[in-house]
N, C-alpha and C. Protein backbone atom coordinates (compact mmCIF):
# COMPACT_ATOMS: atom_id res chain seq x y z
N MET A 1 -1.23 -2.42 -5.75
CA MET A 1 -0.06 -1.63 -5.46
C MET A 1 0.77 -2.15 -4.40
N ARG A 2 2.12 -1.53 -4.63
CA ARG A 2 3.08 -2.02 -3.95
C ARG A 2 3.96 -0.63 -3.22
N ALA A 3 4.46 -0.71 -1.87
CA ALA A 3 4.41 0.19 -1.14
C ALA A 3 6.10 -0.06 -0.42
N VAL A 4 6.71 1.22 -0.07
CA VAL A 4 7.81 0.96 0.49
C VAL A 4 7.57 2.03 1.86
N VAL A 5 8.05 1.17 3.25
CA VAL A 5 7.75 2.13 4.25
C VAL A 5 9.27 2.48 4.84
N VAL A 6 9.31 3.97 5.46
CA VAL A 6 10.17 4.08 5.87
C VAL A 6 10.10 4.77 7.40
N ASP A 7 10.60 3.86 8.44
CA ASP A 7 10.43 4.32 9.73
C ASP A 7 11.41 3.62 10.68
N ASP A 8 12.15 4.71 11.35
CA ASP A 8 13.30 4.05 12.28
C ASP A 8 12.66 3.21 13.58
N TRP A 9 11.27 3.00 13.59
CA TRP A 9 10.62 2.53 15.03
C TRP A 9 10.52 1.40 14.00
N GLU A 10 10.81 0.03 14.36
CA GLU A 10 10.55 -1.37 13.76
C GLU A 10 8.94 -1.42 14.06
N LEU A 11 8.71 -1.44 15.20
CA LEU A 11 7.14 -1.59 15.52
C LEU A 11 6.23 -0.74 14.91
N VAL A 12 6.29 0.42 14.43
CA VAL A 12 5.55 1.23 14.02
C VAL A 12 5.48 0.92 12.60
N ALA A 13 6.60 0.76 11.88
CA ALA A 13 6.86 0.20 10.45
C ALA A 13 5.86 -0.91 10.33
N ALA A 14 6.22 -1.80 11.26
CA ALA A 14 5.09 -3.16 11.18
C ALA A 14 3.88 -2.79 11.19
N GLY A 15 3.25 -2.07 11.87
CA GLY A 15 2.24 -1.72 12.49
C GLY A 15 1.49 -1.36 10.96
N ILE A 16 2.15 -0.16 10.13
CA ILE A 16 1.46 0.14 9.10
C ILE A 16 1.85 -0.48 7.79
N ARG A 17 2.82 -1.50 7.69
CA ARG A 17 2.71 -2.65 7.02
C ARG A 17 1.33 -3.77 7.10
N ASP A 18 1.02 -3.81 8.29
CA ASP A 18 -0.31 -4.75 8.48
C ASP A 18 -1.69 -3.90 7.87
N VAL A 19 -1.26 -2.46 8.12
CA VAL A 19 -2.68 -1.62 7.85
C VAL A 19 -2.75 -1.95 6.23
N LEU A 20 -1.43 -1.46 5.79
CA LEU A 20 -1.53 -1.49 4.17
C LEU A 20 -2.05 -2.99 3.64
N ALA A 21 -1.30 -4.22 4.04
CA ALA A 21 -1.48 -5.40 3.77
C ALA A 21 -3.29 -5.44 3.91
N GLU A 22 -4.04 -5.03 4.99
CA GLU A 22 -5.41 -5.09 5.18
C GLU A 22 -6.08 -4.16 3.71
N GLN A 23 -5.43 -3.33 3.21
CA GLN A 23 -6.18 -2.69 1.82
C GLN A 23 -5.26 -3.35 0.70
N GLY A 24 -4.88 -4.68 0.80
CA GLY A 24 -4.55 -5.16 -0.46
C GLY A 24 -3.34 -4.22 -1.12
N ILE A 25 -2.43 -3.93 -0.34
CA ILE A 25 -1.07 -3.32 -0.54
C ILE A 25 0.24 -4.00 0.08
N GLU A 26 0.60 -4.60 -0.95
CA GLU A 26 2.22 -5.00 -0.39
C GLU A 26 2.94 -4.41 -0.21
N THR A 27 3.83 -4.53 0.93
CA THR A 27 4.80 -3.69 1.21
C THR A 27 6.16 -4.41 0.99
N LEU A 28 7.05 -3.98 -0.22
CA LEU A 28 8.21 -4.39 -0.86
C LEU A 28 9.35 -4.31 0.08
N ALA A 29 9.39 -3.27 0.82
CA ALA A 29 10.66 -3.03 1.96
C ALA A 29 10.31 -2.13 3.16
N ILE A 30 10.84 -2.60 4.58
CA ILE A 30 10.57 -1.89 5.21
C ILE A 30 11.93 -1.06 5.60
N CYS A 31 12.31 0.17 5.67
CA CYS A 31 13.83 0.88 5.20
C CYS A 31 13.48 1.87 6.86
N ARG A 32 14.59 1.91 7.84
CA ARG A 32 15.07 2.85 8.65
C ARG A 32 15.53 3.85 8.03
N ARG A 33 16.14 4.05 6.93
CA ARG A 33 16.85 5.33 6.67
C ARG A 33 16.29 5.89 5.12
N GLY A 34 15.56 7.02 5.16
CA GLY A 34 15.06 7.85 3.88
C GLY A 34 15.90 7.38 2.88
N GLY A 35 17.24 7.71 2.73
CA GLY A 35 17.96 7.55 1.50
C GLY A 35 17.74 6.02 0.77
N GLU A 36 17.84 4.83 1.95
CA GLU A 36 17.69 3.78 1.45
C GLU A 36 16.15 3.42 1.06
N GLY A 37 15.10 3.90 1.59
CA GLY A 37 13.70 4.02 1.29
C GLY A 37 13.47 4.04 -0.26
N LEU A 38 14.12 5.75 -0.51
CA LEU A 38 14.02 6.35 -1.61
C LEU A 38 14.67 5.20 -2.95
N ALA A 39 15.57 5.07 -2.65
CA ALA A 39 16.21 3.97 -3.30
C ALA A 39 15.79 2.55 -3.79
N THR A 40 14.97 2.07 -2.60
CA THR A 40 14.51 0.91 -2.91
C THR A 40 13.15 1.13 -3.99
N ALA A 41 12.53 2.07 -3.47
CA ALA A 41 11.14 2.66 -4.35
C ALA A 41 11.83 2.95 -5.52
N ASP A 42 12.66 3.52 -5.91
CA ASP A 42 12.69 4.00 -7.37
C ASP A 42 13.47 2.55 -8.14
N GLN A 43 13.87 1.79 -7.64
CA GLN A 43 14.29 0.52 -8.09
C GLN A 43 13.06 -0.27 -8.57
N HIS A 44 12.24 -0.62 -7.53
CA HIS A 44 10.85 -1.24 -7.71
C HIS A 44 9.88 -0.52 -8.32
N GLY A 45 9.78 0.80 -8.31
CA GLY A 45 8.92 1.60 -9.30
C GLY A 45 7.55 1.22 -8.69
N VAL A 46 7.46 1.67 -7.22
CA VAL A 46 6.54 1.51 -6.39
C VAL A 46 5.54 2.30 -6.41
N GLU A 47 4.16 2.15 -6.08
CA GLU A 47 3.19 3.06 -6.11
C GLU A 47 3.01 3.82 -5.06
N LEU A 48 3.24 3.52 -3.76
CA LEU A 48 3.13 4.25 -2.48
C LEU A 48 4.41 4.17 -1.93
N LEU A 49 4.63 5.29 -1.25
CA LEU A 49 5.80 5.45 -0.27
C LEU A 49 5.74 6.28 0.99
N VAL A 50 5.62 5.50 2.23
CA VAL A 50 4.94 6.19 3.45
C VAL A 50 6.23 6.36 3.98
N LEU A 51 6.47 7.61 4.37
CA LEU A 51 7.81 8.00 5.23
C LEU A 51 7.30 8.56 6.48
N GLY A 52 7.72 8.13 7.56
CA GLY A 52 7.83 8.10 8.95
C GLY A 52 9.31 9.09 9.57
N ALA A 53 9.44 8.62 10.92
CA ALA A 53 10.52 9.11 11.45
C ALA A 53 11.98 8.75 10.76
N CYS A 54 12.64 9.50 10.30
CA CYS A 54 13.89 8.81 9.82
C CYS A 54 15.00 10.14 10.25
N ALA A 55 16.34 9.65 10.55
CA ALA A 55 16.87 10.70 10.94
C ALA A 55 18.31 11.10 9.80
N ASP A 56 18.16 10.51 9.16
CA ASP A 56 19.40 10.76 8.13
C ASP A 56 19.28 11.77 7.28
N GLU A 57 17.63 12.42 6.92
CA GLU A 57 17.40 13.36 6.18
C GLU A 57 16.13 13.86 6.38
N ARG A 58 15.79 15.15 6.08
CA ARG A 58 14.56 16.22 6.19
C ARG A 58 13.75 15.60 5.32
N LEU A 59 12.22 15.60 6.29
CA LEU A 59 11.05 14.71 5.38
C LEU A 59 10.89 15.61 4.27
N THR A 60 11.15 17.11 3.92
CA THR A 60 10.54 17.92 2.74
C THR A 60 11.58 17.47 1.70
N ARG A 61 12.93 17.30 1.95
CA ARG A 61 13.60 17.02 1.08
C ARG A 61 13.62 15.30 0.28
N LEU A 62 13.00 14.89 1.39
CA LEU A 62 13.07 13.28 1.23
C LEU A 62 11.50 12.82 0.05
N VAL A 63 10.16 14.07 0.49
CA VAL A 63 9.22 14.46 -0.35
C VAL A 63 9.75 14.61 -1.79
N ARG A 64 10.54 15.66 -1.64
CA ARG A 64 11.16 16.17 -3.22
C ARG A 64 11.46 15.27 -3.94
N ARG A 65 12.47 14.65 -3.17
CA ARG A 65 13.33 13.55 -4.07
C ARG A 65 12.24 12.41 -5.01
N ALA A 66 11.26 12.09 -3.79
CA ALA A 66 10.32 11.36 -4.21
C ALA A 66 9.31 11.23 -5.27
N LYS A 67 9.03 12.66 -5.24
CA LYS A 67 8.31 13.09 -6.72
C LYS A 67 8.86 13.49 -7.98
N ALA A 68 10.51 13.71 -7.62
CA ALA A 68 11.24 13.51 -9.06
C ALA A 68 11.77 12.42 -9.62
N MET A 69 11.35 11.23 -9.03
CA MET A 69 11.36 9.90 -9.58
C MET A 69 10.45 9.39 -10.45
N ARG A 70 11.04 8.72 -11.52
CA ARG A 70 10.22 8.35 -12.76
C ARG A 70 8.99 7.91 -12.30
N SER A 71 8.63 6.92 -11.27
CA SER A 71 7.29 6.45 -11.09
C SER A 71 6.52 7.42 -10.29
N ARG A 72 6.98 8.46 -9.65
CA ARG A 72 6.01 9.37 -8.84
C ARG A 72 5.05 8.81 -7.97
N PRO A 73 5.27 8.11 -7.02
CA PRO A 73 4.78 7.50 -6.25
C PRO A 73 3.96 8.70 -5.42
N ILE A 74 2.65 8.15 -4.71
CA ILE A 74 1.99 8.78 -3.70
C ILE A 74 2.82 8.71 -2.59
N VAL A 75 2.84 9.97 -1.98
CA VAL A 75 4.00 9.86 -0.61
C VAL A 75 2.79 10.42 0.45
N LEU A 76 2.56 9.64 1.36
CA LEU A 76 2.27 9.85 2.61
C LEU A 76 3.18 10.02 3.83
N VAL A 77 2.96 11.02 4.40
CA VAL A 77 3.89 11.46 5.45
C VAL A 77 3.35 11.23 6.84
N LEU A 78 3.89 10.70 7.85
CA LEU A 78 3.32 10.36 9.19
C LEU A 78 4.62 11.33 10.16
N LEU A 79 3.67 12.53 10.52
CA LEU A 79 4.45 13.38 11.41
C LEU A 79 4.84 13.10 12.91
N GLN A 80 5.52 13.25 13.49
CA GLN A 80 5.95 12.91 14.93
C GLN A 80 4.91 13.75 15.72
N GLY A 81 5.07 15.22 15.42
CA GLY A 81 4.30 16.09 16.21
C GLY A 81 3.72 17.19 15.42
N LEU A 82 3.41 18.36 15.89
CA LEU A 82 2.40 19.53 14.77
C LEU A 82 3.71 20.36 14.91
N ASP A 83 3.78 20.87 13.68
CA ASP A 83 4.71 21.79 13.16
C ASP A 83 4.59 22.42 11.94
N GLN A 84 3.93 23.47 12.13
CA GLN A 84 3.31 24.17 10.97
C GLN A 84 4.32 24.51 9.79
N ILE A 85 5.57 24.48 10.19
CA ILE A 85 6.89 24.75 8.92
C ILE A 85 6.60 23.26 8.41
N ASP A 86 6.97 21.93 8.86
CA ASP A 86 7.16 21.37 8.08
C ASP A 86 5.70 20.73 7.61
N VAL A 87 4.49 21.11 7.92
CA VAL A 87 3.16 20.38 7.20
C VAL A 87 3.61 21.73 5.75
N ALA A 88 3.51 22.86 6.23
CA ALA A 88 3.68 23.50 5.03
C ALA A 88 4.55 23.41 4.14
N GLY A 89 5.98 23.11 4.38
CA GLY A 89 6.89 22.51 3.39
C GLY A 89 6.58 21.28 2.69
N LEU A 90 5.79 20.33 3.42
CA LEU A 90 5.63 19.04 2.91
C LEU A 90 4.48 19.01 1.69
N LEU A 91 3.67 20.02 1.99
CA LEU A 91 2.61 20.00 0.87
C LEU A 91 3.36 20.89 -0.33
N THR A 92 4.16 21.61 0.22
CA THR A 92 4.94 22.65 -1.13
C THR A 92 5.68 21.61 -1.89
N ALA A 93 6.54 20.70 -1.21
CA ALA A 93 7.13 19.54 -1.72
C ALA A 93 6.48 18.61 -2.37
N GLY A 94 5.19 18.58 -2.26
CA GLY A 94 4.50 17.98 -3.09
C GLY A 94 3.69 16.57 -2.37
N ALA A 95 3.91 16.24 -1.13
CA ALA A 95 3.25 15.22 -0.14
C ALA A 95 1.84 15.40 -0.65
N ASP A 96 1.45 14.18 -0.85
CA ASP A 96 0.04 13.83 -1.30
C ASP A 96 -0.84 13.84 -0.01
N GLY A 97 -0.27 13.46 1.39
CA GLY A 97 -1.20 13.09 2.56
C GLY A 97 -0.20 13.47 3.59
N VAL A 98 -0.74 14.13 4.71
CA VAL A 98 -0.04 14.05 5.84
C VAL A 98 -0.61 13.98 6.90
N VAL A 99 -0.30 13.07 7.86
CA VAL A 99 -1.02 12.35 9.29
C VAL A 99 0.01 12.35 10.16
N LEU A 100 -0.77 12.01 11.48
CA LEU A 100 0.19 12.09 12.71
C LEU A 100 0.58 10.66 12.72
N ARG A 101 2.07 10.44 13.33
CA ARG A 101 2.40 8.89 13.53
C ARG A 101 1.34 8.51 14.58
N SER A 102 0.64 9.10 15.66
CA SER A 102 -0.13 8.70 16.53
C SER A 102 -1.33 8.31 15.95
N THR A 103 -1.69 8.22 14.84
CA THR A 103 -2.98 7.98 14.04
C THR A 103 -3.36 6.69 14.50
N THR A 104 -4.71 6.30 14.31
CA THR A 104 -4.99 4.81 14.52
C THR A 104 -4.97 4.08 13.08
N GLY A 105 -5.10 2.86 13.48
CA GLY A 105 -5.02 1.82 12.40
C GLY A 105 -5.85 2.52 11.08
N GLN A 106 -7.38 2.58 11.74
CA GLN A 106 -8.53 3.04 10.83
C GLN A 106 -8.02 4.25 10.14
N GLU A 107 -7.80 5.44 10.94
CA GLU A 107 -7.52 6.39 10.37
C GLU A 107 -6.58 6.37 9.14
N LEU A 108 -5.23 5.52 9.49
CA LEU A 108 -4.54 5.42 8.44
C LEU A 108 -5.18 5.09 6.98
N ALA A 109 -5.83 3.76 7.45
CA ALA A 109 -6.50 3.25 6.11
C ALA A 109 -7.36 3.83 5.60
N ASP A 110 -8.10 4.87 6.26
CA ASP A 110 -9.19 5.96 5.55
C ASP A 110 -8.01 6.83 4.59
N ALA A 111 -6.99 7.26 5.12
CA ALA A 111 -6.41 8.22 4.68
C ALA A 111 -5.63 7.74 3.37
N VAL A 112 -5.25 6.46 3.49
CA VAL A 112 -4.79 5.68 2.02
C VAL A 112 -5.59 5.41 1.38
N ALA A 113 -6.96 5.06 1.47
CA ALA A 113 -8.15 4.97 0.69
C ALA A 113 -8.27 6.19 -0.13
N GLN A 114 -8.17 7.25 0.57
CA GLN A 114 -8.37 8.79 0.22
C GLN A 114 -7.48 9.20 -1.11
N LEU A 115 -6.30 8.71 -0.78
CA LEU A 115 -5.23 8.94 -1.54
C LEU A 115 -5.25 7.97 -2.81
N ARG A 116 -5.66 6.94 -2.98
CA ARG A 116 -5.75 6.12 -3.87
C ARG A 116 -7.16 6.68 -4.87
N THR A 117 -7.69 7.44 -4.46
CA THR A 117 -8.65 7.88 -5.12
C THR A 117 -8.28 9.24 -6.02
N GLY A 118 -7.02 9.53 -5.53
CA GLY A 118 -6.19 10.57 -6.35
C GLY A 118 -6.39 11.94 -5.71
N GLU A 119 -7.22 11.98 -4.43
CA GLU A 119 -7.29 13.23 -3.79
C GLU A 119 -5.92 13.20 -2.93
N ARG A 120 -5.91 14.57 -2.45
CA ARG A 120 -4.72 15.17 -1.46
C ARG A 120 -5.54 15.09 -0.20
N MET A 121 -4.49 14.97 0.82
CA MET A 121 -5.09 14.89 2.20
C MET A 121 -4.43 15.37 3.40
N VAL A 122 -5.04 16.37 4.34
CA VAL A 122 -4.03 16.37 5.41
C VAL A 122 -5.19 16.09 6.54
N ALA A 123 -4.55 15.50 7.58
CA ALA A 123 -5.38 14.87 8.81
C ALA A 123 -6.40 16.10 9.42
N PRO A 124 -7.58 16.18 9.52
CA PRO A 124 -8.10 17.31 10.08
C PRO A 124 -7.51 17.81 11.66
N ALA A 125 -6.94 16.87 12.08
CA ALA A 125 -6.39 17.33 13.68
C ALA A 125 -5.05 18.27 13.55
N LEU A 126 -4.49 18.23 12.21
CA LEU A 126 -3.44 19.01 12.03
C LEU A 126 -3.83 20.43 11.67
N LEU A 127 -5.20 20.66 10.95
CA LEU A 127 -5.35 21.78 10.56
C LEU A 127 -5.45 23.04 11.52
N PRO A 128 -6.44 23.11 12.42
CA PRO A 128 -6.72 24.02 13.39
C PRO A 128 -5.30 24.36 14.02
N SER A 129 -4.69 23.46 14.53
CA SER A 129 -3.04 23.94 15.17
C SER A 129 -2.10 24.45 14.22
N LEU A 130 -2.30 24.03 12.94
CA LEU A 130 -1.07 24.24 12.10
C LEU A 130 -1.52 25.73 11.35
N LEU A 131 -2.40 25.91 11.31
CA LEU A 131 -2.71 26.83 9.92
C LEU A 131 -3.33 28.48 10.52
N GLY A 132 -2.87 29.45 10.57
CA GLY A 132 -3.23 30.85 10.90
C GLY A 132 -4.31 31.12 10.24
N SER A 133 -4.50 32.45 10.62
CA SER A 133 -5.60 33.10 9.65
C SER A 133 -5.20 33.57 8.51
N VAL A 134 -6.14 33.96 7.45
CA VAL A 134 -6.01 33.94 6.30
C VAL A 134 -5.58 35.83 5.78
N ALA A 135 -4.81 35.99 5.35
CA ALA A 135 -4.34 37.19 5.09
C ALA A 135 -3.59 37.46 3.82
N PRO A 136 -3.47 38.44 2.93
CA PRO A 136 -3.09 38.72 1.72
C PRO A 136 -1.37 38.89 2.22
N ARG A 137 -0.65 38.61 1.44
CA ARG A 137 0.90 39.05 1.65
C ARG A 137 1.22 40.71 1.24
N ASP A 138 1.62 41.41 1.96
CA ASP A 138 1.67 42.78 1.70
C ASP A 138 1.98 43.26 0.36
N GLY A 139 0.91 43.92 -0.03
CA GLY A 139 1.29 44.27 -1.71
C GLY A 139 0.95 43.41 -2.31
N GLU A 140 0.38 41.95 -2.17
CA GLU A 140 -0.66 41.18 -3.02
C GLU A 140 -1.77 40.88 -2.24
N PRO A 141 -2.71 41.23 -2.95
CA PRO A 141 -3.92 41.42 -2.63
C PRO A 141 -4.41 40.01 -2.62
N GLY A 142 -4.00 39.12 -4.03
CA GLY A 142 -4.80 37.82 -3.80
C GLY A 142 -5.95 37.60 -5.02
N PRO A 143 -5.90 36.62 -5.26
CA PRO A 143 -7.22 36.75 -6.24
C PRO A 143 -8.86 36.46 -5.61
N LEU A 144 -8.81 36.14 -4.49
CA LEU A 144 -9.80 35.94 -3.64
C LEU A 144 -10.67 37.22 -2.97
N THR A 145 -11.97 37.00 -3.24
CA THR A 145 -12.62 37.97 -2.45
C THR A 145 -12.84 38.00 -0.47
N PRO A 146 -12.90 39.26 -0.04
CA PRO A 146 -12.75 38.97 1.41
C PRO A 146 -13.82 37.59 1.87
N ARG A 147 -14.74 37.60 1.06
CA ARG A 147 -15.83 36.32 1.79
C ARG A 147 -15.20 35.17 1.72
N GLU A 148 -14.67 35.06 0.33
CA GLU A 148 -14.07 33.75 -0.14
C GLU A 148 -12.53 33.57 0.91
N ARG A 149 -11.94 34.46 1.25
CA ARG A 149 -10.78 34.46 2.36
C ARG A 149 -11.29 33.83 3.65
N GLU A 150 -12.67 34.39 4.10
CA GLU A 150 -13.35 33.90 5.52
C GLU A 150 -13.76 32.80 5.07
N VAL A 151 -14.32 32.39 4.10
CA VAL A 151 -14.73 30.55 3.64
C VAL A 151 -13.42 29.92 3.79
N LEU A 152 -12.50 30.26 3.10
CA LEU A 152 -10.64 29.55 3.32
C LEU A 152 -10.12 29.37 4.40
N GLU A 153 -10.42 30.39 5.40
CA GLU A 153 -10.12 30.33 6.89
C GLU A 153 -10.82 29.17 7.52
N GLN A 154 -12.26 29.06 7.19
CA GLN A 154 -12.72 28.13 7.69
C GLN A 154 -12.81 26.98 7.62
N LEU A 155 -12.32 26.55 6.23
CA LEU A 155 -11.71 25.50 5.51
C LEU A 155 -10.46 24.94 6.11
N ALA A 156 -9.81 25.47 6.38
CA ALA A 156 -8.76 25.72 6.84
C ALA A 156 -8.35 24.97 8.03
N GLN A 157 -9.56 25.17 9.03
CA GLN A 157 -9.55 24.80 10.60
C GLN A 157 -10.28 23.42 10.60
N GLY A 158 -10.78 22.91 9.10
CA GLY A 158 -11.20 21.51 9.18
C GLY A 158 -12.84 21.49 9.39
N ARG A 159 -13.14 22.64 9.08
CA ARG A 159 -14.83 22.67 9.31
C ARG A 159 -15.74 22.24 8.33
N THR A 160 -17.02 21.64 8.38
CA THR A 160 -17.60 21.01 7.46
C THR A 160 -18.48 22.41 6.74
N ASN A 161 -19.05 21.88 5.54
CA ASN A 161 -19.93 23.24 5.00
C ASN A 161 -21.03 23.81 5.96
N ARG A 162 -21.60 22.92 6.75
CA ARG A 162 -22.49 23.42 7.58
C ARG A 162 -22.10 23.88 8.78
N GLU A 163 -20.99 23.83 9.00
CA GLU A 163 -20.17 24.40 10.31
C GLU A 163 -19.72 26.02 9.97
N ILE A 164 -19.32 25.68 8.48
CA ILE A 164 -19.07 27.17 7.85
C ILE A 164 -20.22 28.04 7.62
N ALA A 165 -21.09 27.49 7.14
CA ALA A 165 -22.44 28.56 6.81
C ALA A 165 -22.68 29.03 8.37
N ALA A 166 -22.82 28.19 9.53
CA ALA A 166 -23.17 28.88 10.60
C ALA A 166 -22.24 29.86 11.18
N ALA A 167 -21.12 29.43 11.04
CA ALA A 167 -20.01 30.51 11.86
C ALA A 167 -19.89 31.61 10.73
N LEU A 168 -20.62 31.74 9.59
CA LEU A 168 -20.46 33.19 8.94
C LEU A 168 -21.68 33.50 8.72
N PHE A 169 -22.97 32.76 8.96
CA PHE A 169 -24.07 33.36 8.80
C PHE A 169 -24.35 33.16 7.09
N LEU A 170 -24.22 32.33 6.79
CA LEU A 170 -24.47 32.23 5.44
C LEU A 170 -25.42 30.86 4.94
N GLY A 171 -26.04 30.88 3.94
CA GLY A 171 -26.91 29.60 3.61
C GLY A 171 -25.92 28.53 2.96
N ALA A 172 -26.66 27.41 2.76
CA ALA A 172 -25.63 26.12 2.55
C ALA A 172 -25.17 26.32 1.38
N GLU A 173 -26.16 26.77 0.17
CA GLU A 173 -26.14 27.06 -1.31
C GLU A 173 -24.75 28.07 -1.13
N THR A 174 -24.92 29.27 -0.58
CA THR A 174 -24.08 30.32 -0.52
C THR A 174 -22.57 29.65 -0.41
N VAL A 175 -22.11 28.82 0.66
CA VAL A 175 -21.35 28.16 1.14
C VAL A 175 -20.25 27.73 -0.04
N LYS A 176 -21.45 26.43 -0.76
CA LYS A 176 -21.27 25.56 -1.73
C LYS A 176 -20.70 26.56 -2.79
N SER A 177 -21.13 27.77 -3.25
CA SER A 177 -20.86 28.58 -4.30
C SER A 177 -19.37 29.17 -4.15
N HIS A 178 -19.08 29.70 -2.92
CA HIS A 178 -17.85 30.23 -2.51
C HIS A 178 -16.79 29.29 -2.63
N LEU A 179 -17.17 27.79 -2.26
CA LEU A 179 -16.43 26.77 -2.37
C LEU A 179 -16.20 26.54 -3.56
N SER A 180 -16.99 26.55 -4.97
CA SER A 180 -16.76 26.06 -5.96
C SER A 180 -15.72 27.31 -6.41
N SER A 181 -16.10 28.39 -6.24
CA SER A 181 -15.20 29.73 -7.00
C SER A 181 -13.86 29.68 -6.11
N LEU A 182 -13.89 29.16 -5.36
CA LEU A 182 -12.31 28.67 -4.31
C LEU A 182 -11.54 27.87 -5.21
N TYR A 183 -12.36 26.78 -5.47
CA TYR A 183 -11.60 25.39 -6.33
C TYR A 183 -10.90 26.10 -7.70
N ILE A 184 -11.96 27.08 -8.18
CA ILE A 184 -11.49 27.40 -9.83
C ILE A 184 -10.08 28.18 -9.50
N LYS A 185 -10.50 29.24 -8.65
CA LYS A 185 -9.35 30.21 -8.40
C LYS A 185 -7.84 29.55 -7.96
N LEU A 186 -8.04 28.57 -7.23
CA LEU A 186 -6.94 27.74 -6.56
C LEU A 186 -6.71 26.48 -7.60
N GLU A 187 -7.42 26.53 -8.40
CA GLU A 187 -6.95 25.57 -9.56
C GLU A 187 -6.95 23.94 -8.47
N ALA A 188 -7.64 24.20 -7.41
CA ALA A 188 -7.77 22.66 -6.47
C ALA A 188 -8.95 21.78 -7.12
N THR A 189 -8.71 20.51 -6.52
CA THR A 189 -10.05 19.42 -6.94
C THR A 189 -10.81 19.12 -5.60
N ASP A 190 -10.14 19.52 -4.22
CA ASP A 190 -11.13 19.55 -3.40
C ASP A 190 -10.77 20.13 -2.13
N ARG A 191 -11.26 20.15 -0.92
CA ARG A 191 -11.14 21.04 0.15
C ARG A 191 -9.62 20.86 0.59
N HIS A 192 -9.24 19.83 0.81
CA HIS A 192 -7.78 19.56 1.29
C HIS A 192 -6.61 20.23 0.20
N ASP A 193 -7.01 19.95 -1.18
CA ASP A 193 -6.12 20.49 -2.34
C ASP A 193 -5.96 21.81 -2.23
N ALA A 194 -7.21 22.23 -1.92
CA ALA A 194 -7.36 23.88 -1.61
C ALA A 194 -6.73 24.70 -0.64
N VAL A 195 -6.66 23.91 0.57
CA VAL A 195 -5.70 24.20 1.28
C VAL A 195 -4.24 24.29 1.64
N ALA A 196 -3.94 23.09 0.65
CA ALA A 196 -2.38 22.84 0.41
C ALA A 196 -2.16 23.95 -0.39
N ARG A 197 -2.94 24.36 -1.79
CA ARG A 197 -2.36 25.32 -2.55
C ARG A 197 -2.62 26.60 -2.02
N ALA A 198 -3.16 27.17 -1.13
CA ALA A 198 -3.21 27.96 -0.39
C ALA A 198 -2.08 28.65 0.38
N LEU A 199 -1.56 27.26 0.83
CA LEU A 199 -0.46 27.43 1.71
C LEU A 199 0.81 27.71 1.05
N ALA A 200 0.97 27.00 -0.43
CA ALA A 200 1.74 27.02 -1.01
C ALA A 200 2.20 28.42 -1.74
N VAL A 201 0.99 29.23 -1.99
CA VAL A 201 1.21 30.69 -2.47
C VAL A 201 1.01 31.91 -1.51
N GLY A 202 0.86 31.23 -0.29
CA GLY A 202 1.01 32.18 0.74
C GLY A 202 -0.18 33.02 1.19
N LEU A 203 -1.25 32.30 0.72
CA LEU A 203 -2.76 32.91 1.47
C LEU A 203 -3.12 32.34 2.63
N LEU A 204 -2.23 31.21 3.32
CA LEU A 204 -2.58 30.81 4.53
C LEU A 204 -1.30 31.26 5.37
N GLY A 205 -1.25 31.50 6.54
CA GLY A 205 0.01 31.94 7.06
C GLY A 205 -0.18 32.61 8.48
């Protein structure tokens, strides 16, 4: 796997490159500007694009442009801080993963490993602060039952199946059943994908 890293802090970019190298991923270029990074990624058809801090263009726009490229690379975004609008917009634009720039090397490695399996991911630390309560849009009840909405809210807070069961006074198998139903209705592949899709259609806000 080959990558392009975009970040206007040279030391941060170098650290990302080193973490990727430990995962057997070759960083072809480190770019300070988003436009340059996308052009380089498109030219070489890289499989991974890491987007950190860059002042020349909004991250959501960069993600959307990256996903329009022929190679459709995996896009991992490193956010400077907690911002609900940014996270929701990034997921809707097609970001495969969103973590904080303050993440540890091991956490970054784990995120990359998860993305390489085809899963989407949002760092658990982001979810509780960024996702509000679950509620349908006015006039749009949505496809989920009230209990499924409660489970989705718990899921958005990064809780495990056991924690969801305890919070809602449900059995473990019942939680699994609700999760399976959620995945089907949201056409999601896993819990992170379910949260991303719920955000995209307005079920979380």
